[in-house]
């Protein structure tokens, strides 16, 4: 008969090299269904997150006072194509006048808020003046000078 060995003595639960768990690089992952609840923990730019939340709140304030609130306040209600230009110019003017956001931020929040297609908005709704302003803002504020340096300017 052999020696009786306790199962705990042969396990590896206590064979941890202390300090190694802190040096391992592991990504924090959050399920997409609850990712909006943990944005502060997973973002690399807190200032951008705070600014985005601020513009979302301001957009909702303007939306509540808008003529489209009753029509589009339901989550599943899709914006009619014929109303997109009027909706864009209304919210653009209100957001610039009341909160002084730049045009790129306004276009992004309108598209996100109403679930609109960015390329459709840029190609079919924005005026030439607004497109020009968007390119100027992208060049100056978002560091795209190198990208635009190789393109020929119209004016």
Protein backbone atom coordinates (compact mmCIF):
# COMPACT_ATOMS: atom_id res chain seq x y z
CA UNK A 1 0.00 0.00 0.00
CA UNK A 2 1.28 3.43 -0.82
CA UNK A 3 1.31 6.61 1.15
CA UNK A 4 -1.95 8.50 1.17
CA UNK A 5 -1.42 11.89 -0.52
CA UNK A 6 -3.80 14.75 0.01
CA UNK A 7 -5.18 16.15 -3.29
CA UNK A 8 -4.25 19.67 -2.23
CA UNK A 9 -0.57 18.88 -2.03
CA UNK A 10 -0.44 17.82 -5.68
CA UNK A 11 -2.43 20.75 -7.05
CA UNK A 12 -0.85 23.85 -8.54
CA UNK A 13 -3.03 26.44 -6.84
CA UNK A 14 -0.16 27.76 -4.76
CA UNK A 15 2.55 27.55 -7.44
CA UNK A 16 2.22 31.16 -8.53
CA UNK A 17 5.24 33.32 -9.15
CA UNK A 18 4.22 36.52 -7.45
CA UNK A 19 4.74 39.70 -9.39
CA UNK A 20 4.25 38.06 -12.78
CA UNK A 21 0.54 38.90 -12.89
CA UNK A 22 1.36 42.62 -12.89
CA UNK A 23 3.78 42.45 -15.80
CA UNK A 24 1.48 40.65 -18.21
CA UNK A 25 -0.06 42.84 -20.87
CA UNK A 26 -3.71 42.08 -21.24
CA UNK A 27 -6.41 44.04 -23.00
CA UNK A 28 -9.52 45.10 -21.18
CA UNK A 29 -12.50 43.84 -23.09
CA UNK A 30 -16.12 44.68 -22.54
CA UNK A 31 -19.11 43.09 -24.21
CA UNK A 32 -20.50 45.39 -26.92
CA UNK A 33 -23.96 45.27 -25.32
CA UNK A 34 -22.70 47.07 -22.21
CA UNK A 35 -19.76 49.00 -23.65
CA UNK A 36 -21.51 52.35 -23.24
CA UNK A 37 -21.69 51.74 -19.48
CA UNK A 38 -17.89 51.41 -19.18
CA UNK A 39 -16.63 54.04 -21.62
CA UNK A 40 -14.63 55.84 -18.93
CA UNK A 41 -12.67 52.66 -18.23
CA UNK A 42 -11.92 51.71 -21.81
CA UNK A 43 -11.25 55.06 -23.48
CA UNK A 44 -7.80 56.40 -24.17
CA UNK A 45 -8.95 60.03 -24.37
CA UNK A 46 -11.11 61.24 -21.49
CA UNK A 47 -11.32 64.80 -22.85
CA UNK A 48 -12.80 63.53 -26.09
CA UNK A 49 -15.31 61.41 -24.16
CA UNK A 50 -16.41 64.37 -22.02
CA UNK A 51 -16.74 66.60 -25.09
CA UNK A 52 -18.77 63.96 -26.91
CA UNK A 53 -21.15 63.54 -23.98
CA UNK A 54 -21.53 67.32 -23.74
CA UNK A 55 -22.42 67.72 -27.41
CA UNK A 56 -24.87 64.80 -27.16
CA UNK A 57 -26.64 66.49 -24.26
CA UNK A 58 -26.75 69.82 -26.10
CA UNK A 59 -28.09 68.14 -29.23
CA UNK A 60 -30.86 66.51 -27.20
CA UNK A 61 -31.80 69.90 -25.70
CA UNK A 62 -32.13 71.40 -29.16
CA UNK A 63 -34.02 68.32 -30.39
CA UNK A 64 -36.58 68.59 -27.58
CA UNK A 65 -37.41 72.14 -28.68
CA UNK A 66 -37.41 71.32 -32.40
CA UNK A 67 -40.44 70.76 -34.63
CA UNK A 68 -39.27 67.16 -35.19
CA UNK A 69 -39.43 66.08 -31.54
CA UNK A 70 -42.93 64.61 -31.69
CA UNK A 71 -42.31 62.93 -35.03
CA UNK A 72 -38.89 61.37 -34.34
CA UNK A 73 -38.78 60.93 -30.58
CA UNK A 74 -39.53 57.21 -30.92
CA UNK A 75 -36.32 55.17 -31.15
CA UNK A 76 -37.38 53.13 -34.17
CA UNK A 77 -38.56 56.08 -36.26
CA UNK A 78 -36.37 56.64 -39.33
CA UNK A 79 -35.88 60.14 -40.76
CA UNK A 80 -37.57 60.70 -44.11
CA UNK A 81 -35.11 61.45 -46.93
CA UNK A 82 -36.92 64.60 -48.04
CA UNK A 83 -36.60 66.09 -44.54
CA UNK A 84 -32.85 65.53 -44.12
CA UNK A 85 -31.68 68.83 -45.70
CA UNK A 86 -34.15 70.92 -43.69
CA UNK A 87 -33.31 69.00 -40.52
CA UNK A 88 -29.58 69.45 -41.13
CA UNK A 89 -29.74 73.21 -41.63
CA UNK A 90 -32.05 73.69 -38.66
CA UNK A 91 -29.79 71.80 -36.25
CA UNK A 92 -26.60 73.24 -37.75
CA UNK A 93 -27.78 76.82 -37.22
CA UNK A 94 -29.07 76.13 -33.70
CA UNK A 95 -25.92 74.32 -32.56
CA UNK A 96 -23.62 77.03 -33.94
CA UNK A 97 -25.72 79.86 -32.53
CA UNK A 98 -26.37 78.41 -29.06
CA UNK A 99 -23.25 76.35 -28.35
CA UNK A 100 -20.58 77.46 -30.85
CA UNK A 101 -19.51 73.97 -31.99
CA UNK A 102 -17.50 73.62 -35.17
CA UNK A 103 -19.08 72.23 -38.32
CA UNK A 104 -17.36 68.83 -38.18
CA UNK A 105 -18.66 68.21 -34.65
CA UNK A 106 -22.15 69.29 -35.70
CA UNK A 107 -22.25 67.05 -38.76
CA UNK A 108 -21.03 64.09 -36.69
CA UNK A 109 -23.61 64.58 -33.95
CA UNK A 110 -26.48 65.06 -36.42
CA UNK A 111 -25.53 61.88 -38.28
CA UNK A 112 -25.11 59.90 -35.07
CA UNK A 113 -28.23 61.30 -33.41
CA UNK A 114 -30.53 60.56 -36.36
CA UNK A 115 -28.59 57.52 -37.61
CA UNK A 116 -27.82 59.10 -40.98
CA UNK A 117 -25.20 58.04 -43.50
CA UNK A 118 -22.11 60.28 -43.37
CA UNK A 119 -21.24 60.04 -47.07
CA UNK A 120 -24.84 60.70 -48.10
CA UNK A 121 -24.89 63.74 -45.82
CA UNK A 122 -21.60 65.07 -47.21
CA UNK A 123 -22.33 64.36 -50.88
CA UNK A 124 -26.03 65.23 -51.09
CA UNK A 125 -26.92 67.62 -48.26
CA UNK A 126 -23.98 69.87 -47.43
CA UNK A 127 -23.55 73.04 -49.44
CA UNK A 128 -20.24 73.79 -51.16
CA UNK A 129 -19.53 76.38 -48.49
CA UNK A 130 -20.04 73.80 -45.73
CA UNK A 131 -17.87 71.26 -47.54
CA UNK A 132 -15.13 73.86 -47.81
CA UNK A 133 -15.39 74.65 -44.08
CA UNK A 134 -15.24 70.94 -43.23
CA UNK A 135 -12.02 70.55 -45.21
CA UNK A 136 -10.51 73.64 -43.57
CA UNK A 137 -11.40 72.35 -40.10
CA UNK A 138 -9.98 68.92 -40.88
CA UNK A 139 -6.80 70.50 -42.16
CA UNK A 140 -6.25 72.88 -39.25
CA UNK A 141 -7.78 71.19 -36.18
CA UNK A 142 -7.33 67.50 -36.91
CA UNK A 143 -3.79 67.56 -38.30
CA UNK A 144 -4.45 66.58 -41.88
CA UNK A 145 -2.12 69.15 -43.41
CA UNK A 146 0.10 66.41 -44.84
CA UNK A 147 -2.84 64.66 -46.49
CA UNK A 148 -4.05 67.87 -48.13
CA UNK A 149 -0.60 69.11 -49.12
CA UNK A 150 -0.56 66.84 -52.17
CA UNK A 151 -3.98 67.89 -53.44
CA UNK A 152 -4.56 70.85 -55.70
CA UNK A 153 -6.83 73.56 -54.35
CA UNK A 154 -9.55 75.02 -56.51
CA UNK A 155 -9.22 78.56 -55.17
